[in-house]
């Protein structure tokens, strides 16, 4: 992994494990593919560049928000399972994006998938 601080990856992974545990407690079947969203905050220029490149990075832009201080958050999404290996790979990719684009990775999220109809 180029440009990723191993300590930062370890810290993010510790948080990821908490989310994965919560999903499991809600009946999640981690192997099921579902939309997983990630978010990044940065300057307008950095966010514009990331949004432009999102498809090449295997993401689809889904939303953009500006807070009261003018910070811009870009939400991206991709379809994938939420098993440990897939999420660890996602986090590593997002930390690489953070380093390459000069943005701040704010984490990921998804809905628990039980495989049952709602």
PDB file of N, CA and C in Angstrom:
ATOM      1  N   UNK A   1       0.838  -1.184   0.000  1.00  0.00           N
ATOM      2  CA  UNK A   1       0.000   0.000   0.000  1.00  0.00           C
ATOM      3  C   UNK A   1       0.880   1.243   0.000  1.00  0.00           C
ATOM      4  N   UNK A   2       0.835   1.947  -1.044  1.00  0.00           N
ATOM      5  CA  UNK A   2       1.650   3.159  -1.130  1.00  0.00           C
ATOM      6  C   UNK A   2       0.947   4.315  -0.442  1.00  0.00           C
ATOM      7  N   UNK A   3       1.700   5.047   0.353  1.00  0.00           N
ATOM      8  CA  UNK A   3       1.167   6.254   0.953  1.00  0.00           C
ATOM      9  C   UNK A   3       0.267   6.049   2.160  1.00  0.00           C
ATOM     10  N   UNK A   4       0.142   4.823   2.668  1.00  0.00           N
ATOM     11  CA  UNK A   4      -0.732   4.576   3.809  1.00  0.00           C
ATOM     12  C   UNK A   4       0.129   4.324   5.046  1.00  0.00           C
ATOM     13  N   UNK A   5      -0.126   5.098   6.088  1.00  0.00           N
ATOM     14  CA  UNK A   5       0.555   4.942   7.363  1.00  0.00           C
ATOM     15  C   UNK A   5       0.022   3.676   8.044  1.00  0.00           C
ATOM     16  N   UNK A   6       0.881   2.694   8.311  1.00  0.00           N
ATOM     17  CA  UNK A   6       0.410   1.448   8.930  1.00  0.00           C
ATOM     18  C   UNK A   6      -0.294   1.675  10.269  1.00  0.00           C
ATOM     19  N   UNK A   7       0.158   2.652  11.051  1.00  0.00           N
ATOM     20  CA  UNK A   7      -0.483   2.939  12.336  1.00  0.00           C
ATOM     21  C   UNK A   7      -1.898   3.463  12.106  1.00  0.00           C
ATOM     22  N   UNK A   8      -2.062   4.324  11.118  1.00  0.00           N
ATOM     23  CA  UNK A   8      -3.388   4.862  10.791  1.00  0.00           C
ATOM     24  C   UNK A   8      -4.312   3.745  10.329  1.00  0.00           C
ATOM     25  N   UNK A   9      -3.794   2.841   9.499  1.00  0.00           N
ATOM     26  CA  UNK A   9      -4.600   1.714   9.034  1.00  0.00           C
ATOM     27  C   UNK A   9      -5.028   0.856  10.229  1.00  0.00           C
ATOM     28  N   UNK A  10      -4.123   0.636  11.162  1.00  0.00           N
ATOM     29  CA  UNK A  10      -4.435  -0.149  12.356  1.00  0.00           C
ATOM     30  C   UNK A  10      -5.536   0.526  13.175  1.00  0.00           C
ATOM     31  N   UNK A  11      -5.449   1.845  13.324  1.00  0.00           N
ATOM     32  CA  UNK A  11      -6.472   2.596  14.069  1.00  0.00           C
ATOM     33  C   UNK A  11      -7.829   2.508  13.382  1.00  0.00           C
ATOM     34  N   UNK A  12      -7.839   2.698  12.073  1.00  0.00           N
ATOM     35  CA  UNK A  12      -9.102   2.613  11.324  1.00  0.00           C
ATOM     36  C   UNK A  12      -9.677   1.206  11.409  1.00  0.00           C
ATOM     37  N   UNK A  13      -8.807   0.196  11.334  1.00  0.00           N
ATOM     38  CA  UNK A  13      -9.261  -1.187  11.377  1.00  0.00           C
ATOM     39  C   UNK A  13      -9.910  -1.495  12.727  1.00  0.00           C
ATOM     40  N   UNK A  14      -9.367  -0.952  13.809  1.00  0.00           N
ATOM     41  CA  UNK A  14      -9.962  -1.153  15.134  1.00  0.00           C
ATOM     42  C   UNK A  14     -11.391  -0.614  15.155  1.00  0.00           C
ATOM     43  N   UNK A  15     -11.617   0.543  14.527  1.00  0.00           N
ATOM     44  CA  UNK A  15     -12.970   1.108  14.436  1.00  0.00           C
ATOM     45  C   UNK A  15     -13.850   0.263  13.512  1.00  0.00           C
ATOM     46  N   UNK A  16     -13.272  -0.204  12.408  1.00  0.00           N
ATOM     47  CA  UNK A  16     -14.020  -1.047  11.468  1.00  0.00           C
ATOM     48  C   UNK A  16     -14.538  -2.300  12.159  1.00  0.00           C
ATOM     49  N   UNK A  17     -13.711  -2.894  13.010  1.00  0.00           N
ATOM     50  CA  UNK A  17     -14.121  -4.115  13.708  1.00  0.00           C
ATOM     51  C   UNK A  17     -15.345  -3.872  14.579  1.00  0.00           C
ATOM     52  N   UNK A  18     -15.441  -2.686  15.183  1.00  0.00           N
ATOM     53  CA  UNK A  18     -16.611  -2.344  15.999  1.00  0.00           C
ATOM     54  C   UNK A  18     -17.870  -2.286  15.130  1.00  0.00           C
ATOM     55  N   UNK A  19     -17.737  -1.678  13.945  1.00  0.00           N
ATOM     56  CA  UNK A  19     -18.886  -1.576  13.037  1.00  0.00           C
ATOM     57  C   UNK A  19     -19.290  -2.963  12.549  1.00  0.00           C
ATOM     58  N   UNK A  20     -18.300  -3.785  12.194  1.00  0.00           N
ATOM     59  CA  UNK A  20     -18.600  -5.135  11.730  1.00  0.00           C
ATOM     60  C   UNK A  20     -19.290  -5.950  12.824  1.00  0.00           C
ATOM     61  N   UNK A  21     -18.872  -5.777  14.062  1.00  0.00           N
ATOM     62  CA  UNK A  21     -19.511  -6.472  15.183  1.00  0.00           C
ATOM     63  C   UNK A  21     -20.961  -6.024  15.334  1.00  0.00           C
ATOM     64  N   UNK A  22     -21.196  -4.727  15.216  1.00  0.00           N
ATOM     65  CA  UNK A  22     -22.555  -4.198  15.315  1.00  0.00           C
ATOM     66  C   UNK A  22     -23.436  -4.757  14.198  1.00  0.00           C
ATOM     67  N   UNK A  23     -22.896  -4.806  12.986  1.00  0.00           N
ATOM     68  CA  UNK A  23     -23.656  -5.379  11.869  1.00  0.00           C
ATOM     69  C   UNK A  23     -24.009  -6.834  12.163  1.00  0.00           C
ATOM     70  N   UNK A  24     -23.026  -7.599  12.643  1.00  0.00           N
ATOM     71  CA  UNK A  24     -23.253  -9.018  12.949  1.00  0.00           C
ATOM     72  C   UNK A  24     -24.331  -9.176  14.017  1.00  0.00           C
ATOM     73  N   UNK A  25     -24.315  -8.300  15.015  1.00  0.00           N
ATOM     74  CA  UNK A  25     -25.315  -8.358  16.078  1.00  0.00           C
ATOM     75  C   UNK A  25     -26.717  -8.058  15.548  1.00  0.00           C
ATOM     76  N   UNK A  26     -26.787  -7.400  14.403  1.00  0.00           N
ATOM     77  CA  UNK A  26     -28.076  -7.090  13.778  1.00  0.00           C
ATOM     78  C   UNK A  26     -28.438  -8.097  12.680  1.00  0.00           C
ATOM     79  N   UNK A  27     -27.781  -9.254  12.704  1.00  0.00           N
ATOM     80  CA  UNK A  27     -28.131 -10.327  11.782  1.00  0.00           C
ATOM     81  C   UNK A  27     -27.517 -10.211  10.402  1.00  0.00           C
ATOM     82  N   UNK A  28     -26.485  -9.388  10.246  1.00  0.00           N
ATOM     83  CA  UNK A  28     -25.873  -9.198   8.936  1.00  0.00           C
ATOM     84  C   UNK A  28     -25.226 -10.485   8.426  1.00  0.00           C
ATOM     85  N   UNK A  29     -25.443 -10.730   7.140  1.00  0.00           N
ATOM     86  CA  UNK A  29     -24.722 -11.796   6.437  1.00  0.00           C
ATOM     87  C   UNK A  29     -23.663 -11.077   5.607  1.00  0.00           C
ATOM     88  N   UNK A  30     -22.449 -11.042   6.139  1.00  0.00           N
ATOM     89  CA  UNK A  30     -21.359 -10.231   5.600  1.00  0.00           C
ATOM     90  C   UNK A  30     -21.022 -10.528   4.151  1.00  0.00           C
ATOM     91  N   UNK A  31     -21.302 -11.747   3.702  1.00  0.00           N
ATOM     92  CA  UNK A  31     -20.936 -12.119   2.333  1.00  0.00           C
ATOM     93  C   UNK A  31     -21.865 -11.513   1.285  1.00  0.00           C
ATOM     94  N   UNK A  32     -23.010 -10.988   1.708  1.00  0.00           N
ATOM     95  CA  UNK A  32     -23.964 -10.422   0.748  1.00  0.00           C
ATOM     96  C   UNK A  32     -23.471  -9.073   0.233  1.00  0.00           C
ATOM     97  N   UNK A  33     -23.512  -8.917  -1.068  1.00  0.00           N
ATOM     98  CA  UNK A  33     -23.110  -7.658  -1.702  1.00  0.00           C
ATOM     99  C   UNK A  33     -24.213  -6.633  -1.463  1.00  0.00           C
ATOM    100  N   UNK A  34     -23.777  -5.408  -1.115  1.00  0.00           N
ATOM    101  CA  UNK A  34     -24.709  -4.327  -0.851  1.00  0.00           C
ATOM    102  C   UNK A  34     -23.982  -3.009  -1.075  1.00  0.00           C
ATOM    103  N   UNK A  35     -24.732  -1.886  -1.158  1.00  0.00           N
ATOM    104  CA  UNK A  35     -24.070  -0.584  -1.274  1.00  0.00           C
ATOM    105  C   UNK A  35     -23.325  -0.255   0.021  1.00  0.00           C
ATOM    106  N   UNK A  36     -22.076   0.121  -0.129  1.00  0.00           N
ATOM    107  CA  UNK A  36     -21.261   0.581   1.000  1.00  0.00           C
ATOM    108  C   UNK A  36     -20.821   1.995   0.658  1.00  0.00           C
ATOM    109  N   UNK A  37     -21.097   2.934   1.561  1.00  0.00           N
ATOM    110  CA  UNK A  37     -20.722   4.315   1.281  1.00  0.00           C
ATOM    111  C   UNK A  37     -19.505   4.714   2.114  1.00  0.00           C
ATOM    112  N   UNK A  38     -18.747   5.636   1.565  1.00  0.00           N
ATOM    113  CA  UNK A  38     -17.587   6.214   2.239  1.00  0.00           C
ATOM    114  C   UNK A  38     -17.686   7.721   2.089  1.00  0.00           C
ATOM    115  N   UNK A  39     -16.981   8.452   2.952  1.00  0.00           N
ATOM    116  CA  UNK A  39     -17.022   9.905   2.829  1.00  0.00           C
ATOM    117  C   UNK A  39     -15.633  10.501   3.037  1.00  0.00           C
ATOM    118  N   UNK A  40     -15.431  11.617   2.359  1.00  0.00           N
ATOM    119  CA  UNK A  40     -14.170  12.350   2.411  1.00  0.00           C
ATOM    120  C   UNK A  40     -14.482  13.835   2.537  1.00  0.00           C
ATOM    121  N   UNK A  41     -13.684  14.541   3.329  1.00  0.00           N
ATOM    122  CA  UNK A  41     -13.835  15.977   3.494  1.00  0.00           C
ATOM    123  C   UNK A  41     -12.571  16.652   3.005  1.00  0.00           C
ATOM    124  N   UNK A  42     -12.747  17.808   2.345  1.00  0.00           N
ATOM    125  CA  UNK A  42     -11.583  18.534   1.856  1.00  0.00           C
ATOM    126  C   UNK A  42     -11.962  19.846   1.207  1.00  0.00           C
ATOM    127  N   UNK A  43     -10.973  20.434   0.570  1.00  0.00           N
ATOM    128  CA  UNK A  43     -11.193  21.687  -0.144  1.00  0.00           C
ATOM    129  C   UNK A  43     -12.030  21.428  -1.390  1.00  0.00           C
ATOM    130  N   UNK A  44     -12.635  22.468  -1.897  1.00  0.00           N
ATOM    131  CA  UNK A  44     -13.443  22.328  -3.116  1.00  0.00           C
ATOM    132  C   UNK A  44     -12.615  21.720  -4.248  1.00  0.00           C
ATOM    133  N   UNK A  45     -11.387  22.181  -4.419  1.00  0.00           N
ATOM    134  CA  UNK A  45     -10.537  21.681  -5.504  1.00  0.00           C
ATOM    135  C   UNK A  45     -10.257  20.187  -5.343  1.00  0.00           C
ATOM    136  N   UNK A  46      -9.897  19.769  -4.114  1.00  0.00           N
ATOM    137  CA  UNK A  46      -9.586  18.354  -3.867  1.00  0.00           C
ATOM    138  C   UNK A  46     -10.828  17.487  -4.046  1.00  0.00           C
ATOM    139  N   UNK A  47     -11.954  17.945  -3.530  1.00  0.00           N
ATOM    140  CA  UNK A  47     -13.207  17.186  -3.644  1.00  0.00           C
ATOM    141  C   UNK A  47     -13.653  17.103  -5.101  1.00  0.00           C
ATOM    142  N   UNK A  48     -13.528  18.211  -5.847  1.00  0.00           N
ATOM    143  CA  UNK A  48     -13.888  18.195  -7.269  1.00  0.00           C
ATOM    144  C   UNK A  48     -13.051  17.166  -8.027  1.00  0.00           C
ATOM    145  N   UNK A  49     -11.756  17.136  -7.725  1.00  0.00           N
ATOM    146  CA  UNK A  49     -10.850  16.198  -8.410  1.00  0.00           C
ATOM    147  C   UNK A  49     -11.221  14.757  -8.057  1.00  0.00           C
ATOM    148  N   UNK A  50     -11.492  14.501  -6.774  1.00  0.00           N
ATOM    149  CA  UNK A  50     -11.876  13.153  -6.352  1.00  0.00           C
ATOM    150  C   UNK A  50     -13.204  12.744  -6.985  1.00  0.00           C
ATOM    151  N   UNK A  51     -14.159  13.652  -7.002  1.00  0.00           N
ATOM    152  CA  UNK A  51     -15.458  13.325  -7.610  1.00  0.00           C
ATOM    153  C   UNK A  51     -15.291  13.006  -9.090  1.00  0.00           C
ATOM    154  N   UNK A  52     -14.448  13.763  -9.777  1.00  0.00           N
ATOM    155  CA  UNK A  52     -14.193  13.528 -11.197  1.00  0.00           C
ATOM    156  C   UNK A  52     -13.582  12.141 -11.424  1.00  0.00           C
ATOM    157  N   UNK A  53     -12.685  11.726 -10.522  1.00  0.00           N
ATOM    158  CA  UNK A  53     -11.974  10.445 -10.659  1.00  0.00           C
ATOM    159  C   UNK A  53     -12.706   9.269 -10.018  1.00  0.00           C
ATOM    160  N   UNK A  54     -13.822   9.508  -9.352  1.00  0.00           N
ATOM    161  CA  UNK A  54     -14.495   8.469  -8.557  1.00  0.00           C
ATOM    162  C   UNK A  54     -14.746   7.186  -9.334  1.00  0.00           C
ATOM    163  N   UNK A  55     -15.252   7.308 -10.544  1.00  0.00           N
ATOM    164  CA  UNK A  55     -15.568   6.117 -11.326  1.00  0.00           C
ATOM    165  C   UNK A  55     -14.317   5.289 -11.605  1.00  0.00           C
ATOM    166  N   UNK A  56     -13.201   5.944 -11.890  1.00  0.00           N
ATOM    167  CA  UNK A  56     -11.942   5.230 -12.132  1.00  0.00           C
ATOM    168  C   UNK A  56     -11.458   4.519 -10.868  1.00  0.00           C
ATOM    169  N   UNK A  57     -11.917   4.983  -9.716  1.00  0.00           N
ATOM    170  CA  UNK A  57     -11.543   4.386  -8.429  1.00  0.00           C
ATOM    171  C   UNK A  57     -12.571   3.354  -7.964  1.00  0.00           C
ATOM    172  N   UNK A  58     -13.523   3.022  -8.839  1.00  0.00           N
ATOM    173  CA  UNK A  58     -14.580   2.027  -8.586  1.00  0.00           C
ATOM    174  C   UNK A  58     -15.639   2.508  -7.591  1.00  0.00           C
ATOM    175  N   UNK A  59     -15.894   3.821  -7.584  1.00  0.00           N
ATOM    176  CA  UNK A  59     -16.933   4.403  -6.742  1.00  0.00           C
ATOM    177  C   UNK A  59     -17.894   5.209  -7.598  1.00  0.00           C
ATOM    178  N   UNK A  60     -19.077   5.460  -7.047  1.00  0.00           N
ATOM    179  CA  UNK A  60     -20.068   6.333  -7.667  1.00  0.00           C
ATOM    180  C   UNK A  60     -20.339   7.467  -6.681  1.00  0.00           C
ATOM    181  N   UNK A  61     -20.253   8.737  -7.130  1.00  0.00           N
ATOM    182  CA  UNK A  61     -20.604   9.842  -6.231  1.00  0.00           C
ATOM    183  C   UNK A  61     -22.099   9.797  -5.921  1.00  0.00           C
ATOM    184  N   UNK A  62     -22.458   9.966  -4.635  1.00  0.00           N
ATOM    185  CA  UNK A  62     -23.879   9.940  -4.279  1.00  0.00           C
ATOM    186  C   UNK A  62     -24.369  11.231  -3.640  1.00  0.00           C
ATOM    187  N   UNK A  63     -23.477  12.011  -3.033  1.00  0.00           N
ATOM    188  CA  UNK A  63     -23.924  13.247  -2.405  1.00  0.00           C
ATOM    189  C   UNK A  63     -22.721  14.107  -2.075  1.00  0.00           C
ATOM    190  N   UNK A  64     -23.021  15.378  -1.822  1.00  0.00           N
ATOM    191  CA  UNK A  64     -22.000  16.353  -1.434  1.00  0.00           C
ATOM    192  C   UNK A  64     -22.670  17.303  -0.451  1.00  0.00           C
ATOM    193  N   UNK A  65     -21.990  17.577   0.660  1.00  0.00           N
ATOM    194  CA  UNK A  65     -22.534  18.493   1.660  1.00  0.00           C
ATOM    195  C   UNK A  65     -21.486  19.540   2.007  1.00  0.00           C
ATOM    196  N   UNK A  66     -21.966  20.734   2.330  1.00  0.00           N
ATOM    197  CA  UNK A  66     -21.091  21.815   2.790  1.00  0.00           C
ATOM    198  C   UNK A  66     -21.552  22.186   4.194  1.00  0.00           C
ATOM    199  N   UNK A  67     -20.619  22.166   5.172  1.00  0.00           N
ATOM    200  CA  UNK A  67     -21.022  22.523   6.533  1.00  0.00           C
ATOM    201  C   UNK A  67     -20.938  24.029   6.742  1.00  0.00           C
ATOM    202  N   UNK A  68     -21.288  24.470   7.952  1.00  0.00           N
ATOM    203  CA  UNK A  68     -21.338  25.908   8.244  1.00  0.00           C
ATOM    204  C   UNK A  68     -19.981  26.588   8.134  1.00  0.00           C
ATOM    205  N   UNK A  69     -18.895  25.820   8.222  1.00  0.00           N
ATOM    206  CA  UNK A  69     -17.549  26.382   8.087  1.00  0.00           C
ATOM    207  C   UNK A  69     -17.049  26.345   6.643  1.00  0.00           C
ATOM    208  N   UNK A  70     -17.880  25.812   5.738  1.00  0.00           N
ATOM    209  CA  UNK A  70     -17.498  25.739   4.337  1.00  0.00           C
ATOM    210  C   UNK A  70     -16.754  24.468   3.955  1.00  0.00           C
ATOM    211  N   UNK A  71     -16.548  23.547   4.911  1.00  0.00           N
ATOM    212  CA  UNK A  71     -15.892  22.279   4.594  1.00  0.00           C
ATOM    213  C   UNK A  71     -16.831  21.436   3.726  1.00  0.00           C
ATOM    214  N   UNK A  72     -16.261  20.808   2.724  1.00  0.00           N
ATOM    215  CA  UNK A  72     -17.058  20.030   1.780  1.00  0.00           C
ATOM    216  C   UNK A  72     -16.829  18.548   2.029  1.00  0.00           C
ATOM    217  N   UNK A  73     -17.923  17.802   2.150  1.00  0.00           N
ATOM    218  CA  UNK A  73     -17.849  16.355   2.307  1.00  0.00           C
ATOM    219  C   UNK A  73     -18.467  15.709   1.081  1.00  0.00           C
ATOM    220  N   UNK A  74     -17.726  14.765   0.512  1.00  0.00           N
ATOM    221  CA  UNK A  74     -18.181  14.007  -0.649  1.00  0.00           C
ATOM    222  C   UNK A  74     -18.487  12.588  -0.206  1.00  0.00           C
ATOM    223  N   UNK A  75     -19.668  12.105  -0.571  1.00  0.00           N
ATOM    224  CA  UNK A  75     -20.071  10.740  -0.257  1.00  0.00           C
ATOM    225  C   UNK A  75     -19.996   9.916  -1.536  1.00  0.00           C
ATOM    226  N   UNK A  76     -19.285   8.806  -1.458  1.00  0.00           N
ATOM    227  CA  UNK A  76     -19.134   7.886  -2.582  1.00  0.00           C
ATOM    228  C   UNK A  76     -19.692   6.534  -2.164  1.00  0.00           C
ATOM    229  N   UNK A  77     -20.011   5.707  -3.163  1.00  0.00           N
ATOM    230  CA  UNK A  77     -20.596   4.405  -2.871  1.00  0.00           C
ATOM    231  C   UNK A  77     -20.079   3.387  -3.862  1.00  0.00           C
ATOM    232  N   UNK A  78     -20.022   2.139  -3.404  1.00  0.00           N
ATOM    233  CA  UNK A  78     -19.767   1.026  -4.310  1.00  0.00           C
ATOM    234  C   UNK A  78     -20.428  -0.217  -3.755  1.00  0.00           C
ATOM    235  N   UNK A  79     -20.701  -1.160  -4.628  1.00  0.00           N
ATOM    236  CA  UNK A  79     -21.321  -2.422  -4.254  1.00  0.00           C
ATOM    237  C   UNK A  79     -20.227  -3.411  -3.877  1.00  0.00           C
ATOM    238  N   UNK A  80     -20.362  -3.987  -2.675  1.00  0.00           N
ATOM    239  CA  UNK A  80     -19.388  -4.975  -2.222  1.00  0.00           C
ATOM    240  C   UNK A  80     -19.929  -5.687  -0.994  1.00  0.00           C
ATOM    241  N   UNK A  81     -19.328  -6.828  -0.632  1.00  0.00           N
ATOM    242  CA  UNK A  81     -19.716  -7.464   0.627  1.00  0.00           C
ATOM    243  C   UNK A  81     -19.137  -6.682   1.807  1.00  0.00           C
ATOM    244  N   UNK A  82     -19.580  -7.014   3.004  1.00  0.00           N
ATOM    245  CA  UNK A  82     -19.087  -6.340   4.204  1.00  0.00           C
ATOM    246  C   UNK A  82     -18.368  -7.329   5.131  1.00  0.00           C
ATOM    247  N   UNK A  83     -17.688  -8.316   4.537  1.00  0.00           N
ATOM    248  CA  UNK A  83     -16.881  -9.229   5.341  1.00  0.00           C
ATOM    249  C   UNK A  83     -15.580  -8.524   5.722  1.00  0.00           C
ATOM    250  N   UNK A  84     -14.870  -9.067   6.680  1.00  0.00           N
ATOM    251  CA  UNK A  84     -13.677  -8.421   7.220  1.00  0.00           C
ATOM    252  C   UNK A  84     -12.637  -8.123   6.141  1.00  0.00           C
ATOM    253  N   UNK A  85     -12.348  -9.078   5.277  1.00  0.00           N
ATOM    254  CA  UNK A  85     -11.314  -8.861   4.249  1.00  0.00           C
ATOM    255  C   UNK A  85     -11.711  -7.755   3.281  1.00  0.00           C
ATOM    256  N   UNK A  86     -12.982  -7.734   2.879  1.00  0.00           N
ATOM    257  CA  UNK A  86     -13.452  -6.705   1.942  1.00  0.00           C
ATOM    258  C   UNK A  86     -13.408  -5.325   2.570  1.00  0.00           C
ATOM    259  N   UNK A  87     -13.792  -5.229   3.840  1.00  0.00           N
ATOM    260  CA  UNK A  87     -13.796  -3.927   4.513  1.00  0.00           C
ATOM    261  C   UNK A  87     -12.365  -3.459   4.778  1.00  0.00           C
ATOM    262  N   UNK A  88     -11.477  -4.365   5.142  1.00  0.00           N
ATOM    263  CA  UNK A  88     -10.078  -3.959   5.363  1.00  0.00           C
ATOM    264  C   UNK A  88      -9.476  -3.439   4.058  1.00  0.00           C
ATOM    265  N   UNK A  89      -9.793  -4.089   2.949  1.00  0.00           N
ATOM    266  CA  UNK A  89      -9.318  -3.629   1.643  1.00  0.00           C
ATOM    267  C   UNK A  89      -9.914  -2.265   1.301  1.00  0.00           C
ATOM    268  N   UNK A  90     -11.211  -2.081   1.584  1.00  0.00           N
ATOM    269  CA  UNK A  90     -11.871  -0.801   1.344  1.00  0.00           C
ATOM    270  C   UNK A  90     -11.186   0.309   2.137  1.00  0.00           C
ATOM    271  N   UNK A  91     -10.913   0.049   3.414  1.00  0.00           N
ATOM    272  CA  UNK A  91     -10.279   1.057   4.256  1.00  0.00           C
ATOM    273  C   UNK A  91      -8.897   1.410   3.733  1.00  0.00           C
ATOM    274  N   UNK A  92      -8.129   0.412   3.330  1.00  0.00           N
ATOM    275  CA  UNK A  92      -6.803   0.684   2.775  1.00  0.00           C
ATOM    276  C   UNK A  92      -6.918   1.541   1.516  1.00  0.00           C
ATOM    277  N   UNK A  93      -7.869   1.215   0.653  1.00  0.00           N
ATOM    278  CA  UNK A  93      -8.089   2.007  -0.558  1.00  0.00           C
ATOM    279  C   UNK A  93      -8.443   3.449  -0.203  1.00  0.00           C
ATOM    280  N   UNK A  94      -9.316   3.610   0.778  1.00  0.00           N
ATOM    281  CA  UNK A  94      -9.740   4.959   1.167  1.00  0.00           C
ATOM    282  C   UNK A  94      -8.587   5.760   1.773  1.00  0.00           C
ATOM    283  N   UNK A  95      -7.715   5.114   2.503  1.00  0.00           N
ATOM    284  CA  UNK A  95      -6.547   5.815   3.046  1.00  0.00           C
ATOM    285  C   UNK A  95      -5.567   6.186   1.938  1.00  0.00           C
ATOM    286  N   UNK A  96      -5.476   5.353   0.904  1.00  0.00           N
ATOM    287  CA  UNK A  96      -4.665   5.709  -0.264  1.00  0.00           C
ATOM    288  C   UNK A  96      -5.268   6.922  -0.970  1.00  0.00           C
ATOM    289  N   UNK A  97      -6.591   6.946  -1.109  1.00  0.00           N
ATOM    290  CA  UNK A  97      -7.278   8.093  -1.716  1.00  0.00           C
ATOM    291  C   UNK A  97      -7.019   9.341  -0.883  1.00  0.00           C
ATOM    292  N   UNK A  98      -7.112   9.219   0.428  1.00  0.00           N
ATOM    293  CA  UNK A  98      -6.857  10.343   1.327  1.00  0.00           C
ATOM    294  C   UNK A  98      -5.474  10.947   1.053  1.00  0.00           C
ATOM    295  N   UNK A  99      -4.461  10.089   0.964  1.00  0.00           N
ATOM    296  CA  UNK A  99      -3.096  10.557   0.735  1.00  0.00           C
ATOM    297  C   UNK A  99      -2.940  11.159  -0.663  1.00  0.00           C
ATOM    298  N   UNK A 100      -3.507  10.523  -1.658  1.00  0.00           N
ATOM    299  CA  UNK A 100      -3.344  10.972  -3.049  1.00  0.00           C
ATOM    300  C   UNK A 100      -4.065  12.283  -3.339  1.00  0.00           C
ATOM    301  N   UNK A 101      -5.263  12.456  -2.758  1.00  0.00           N
ATOM    302  CA  UNK A 101      -6.088  13.613  -3.098  1.00  0.00           C
ATOM    303  C   UNK A 101      -6.033  14.731  -2.063  1.00  0.00           C
ATOM    304  N   UNK A 102      -5.369  14.508  -0.949  1.00  0.00           N
ATOM    305  CA  UNK A 102      -5.287  15.550   0.073  1.00  0.00           C
ATOM    306  C   UNK A 102      -6.628  15.827   0.730  1.00  0.00           C
ATOM    307  N   UNK A 103      -7.402  14.758   0.947  1.00  0.00           N
ATOM    308  CA  UNK A 103      -8.704  14.851   1.601  1.00  0.00           C
ATOM    309  C   UNK A 103      -8.636  14.055   2.898  1.00  0.00           C
ATOM    310  N   UNK A 104      -9.677  14.181   3.720  1.00  0.00           N
ATOM    311  CA  UNK A 104      -9.735  13.429   4.973  1.00  0.00           C
ATOM    312  C   UNK A 104     -10.800  12.350   4.866  1.00  0.00           C
ATOM    313  N   UNK A 105     -10.391  11.101   5.053  1.00  0.00           N
ATOM    314  CA  UNK A 105     -11.314   9.974   5.038  1.00  0.00           C
ATOM    315  C   UNK A 105     -12.123   9.986   6.325  1.00  0.00           C
ATOM    316  N   UNK A 106     -13.455   9.934   6.196  1.00  0.00           N
ATOM    317  CA  UNK A 106     -14.338  10.020   7.353  1.00  0.00           C
ATOM    318  C   UNK A 106     -15.013   8.697   7.699  1.00  0.00           C
ATOM    319  N   UNK A 107     -14.663   7.617   7.024  1.00  0.00           N
ATOM    320  CA  UNK A 107     -15.227   6.319   7.362  1.00  0.00           C
ATOM    321  C   UNK A 107     -16.221   5.782   6.339  1.00  0.00           C
ATOM    322  N   UNK A 108     -16.770   4.618   6.664  1.00  0.00           N
ATOM    323  CA  UNK A 108     -17.696   3.916   5.771  1.00  0.00           C
ATOM    324  C   UNK A 108     -18.949   3.523   6.544  1.00  0.00           C
ATOM    325  N   UNK A 109     -19.961   3.131   5.790  1.00  0.00           N
ATOM    326  CA  UNK A 109     -21.187   2.660   6.406  1.00  0.00           C
ATOM    327  C   UNK A 109     -22.007   1.847   5.421  1.00  0.00           C
ATOM    328  N   UNK A 110     -22.879   1.030   5.962  1.00  0.00           N
ATOM    329  CA  UNK A 110     -23.812   0.254   5.138  1.00  0.00           C
ATOM    330  C   UNK A 110     -24.937  -0.244   6.030  1.00  0.00           C
ATOM    331  N   UNK A 111     -25.939  -0.784   5.405  1.00  0.00           N
ATOM    332  CA  UNK A 111     -27.082  -1.340   6.110  1.00  0.00           C
ATOM    333  C   UNK A 111     -26.841  -2.845   6.295  1.00  0.00           C
ATOM    334  N   UNK A 112     -27.206  -3.362   7.436  1.00  0.00           N
ATOM    335  CA  UNK A 112     -27.117  -4.815   7.655  1.00  0.00           C
ATOM    336  C   UNK A 112     -28.014  -5.535   6.646  1.00  0.00           C
ATOM    337  N   UNK A 113     -27.476  -6.581   6.048  1.00  0.00           N
ATOM    338  CA  UNK A 113     -28.222  -7.380   5.073  1.00  0.00           C
ATOM    339  C   UNK A 113     -28.404  -8.774   5.644  1.00  0.00           C
ATOM    340  N   UNK A 114     -29.652  -9.157   5.865  1.00  0.00           N
ATOM    341  CA  UNK A 114     -29.940 -10.475   6.436  1.00  0.00           C
ATOM    342  C   UNK A 114     -30.253 -11.507   5.368  1.00  0.00           C
ATOM    343  N   UNK A 115     -30.512 -11.035   4.148  1.00  0.00           N
ATOM    344  CA  UNK A 115     -30.907 -11.938   3.076  1.00  0.00           C
ATOM    345  C   UNK A 115     -32.389 -12.211   3.060  1.00  0.00           C
ATOM    346  N   UNK A 116     -33.122 -11.652   4.030  1.00  0.00           N
ATOM    347  CA  UNK A 116     -34.568 -11.826   4.108  1.00  0.00           C
ATOM    348  C   UNK A 116     -35.259 -10.629   3.476  1.00  0.00           C
ATOM    349  N   UNK A 117     -36.420 -10.842   2.900  1.00  0.00           N
ATOM    350  CA  UNK A 117     -37.185  -9.750   2.317  1.00  0.00           C
ATOM    351  C   UNK A 117     -37.739  -8.870   3.436  1.00  0.00           C
ATOM    352  N   UNK A 118     -37.822  -7.581   3.154  1.00  0.00           N
ATOM    353  CA  UNK A 118     -38.393  -6.655   4.152  1.00  0.00           C
ATOM    354  C   UNK A 118     -39.891  -6.565   4.009  1.00  0.00           C
TER     355      UNK A 118
END
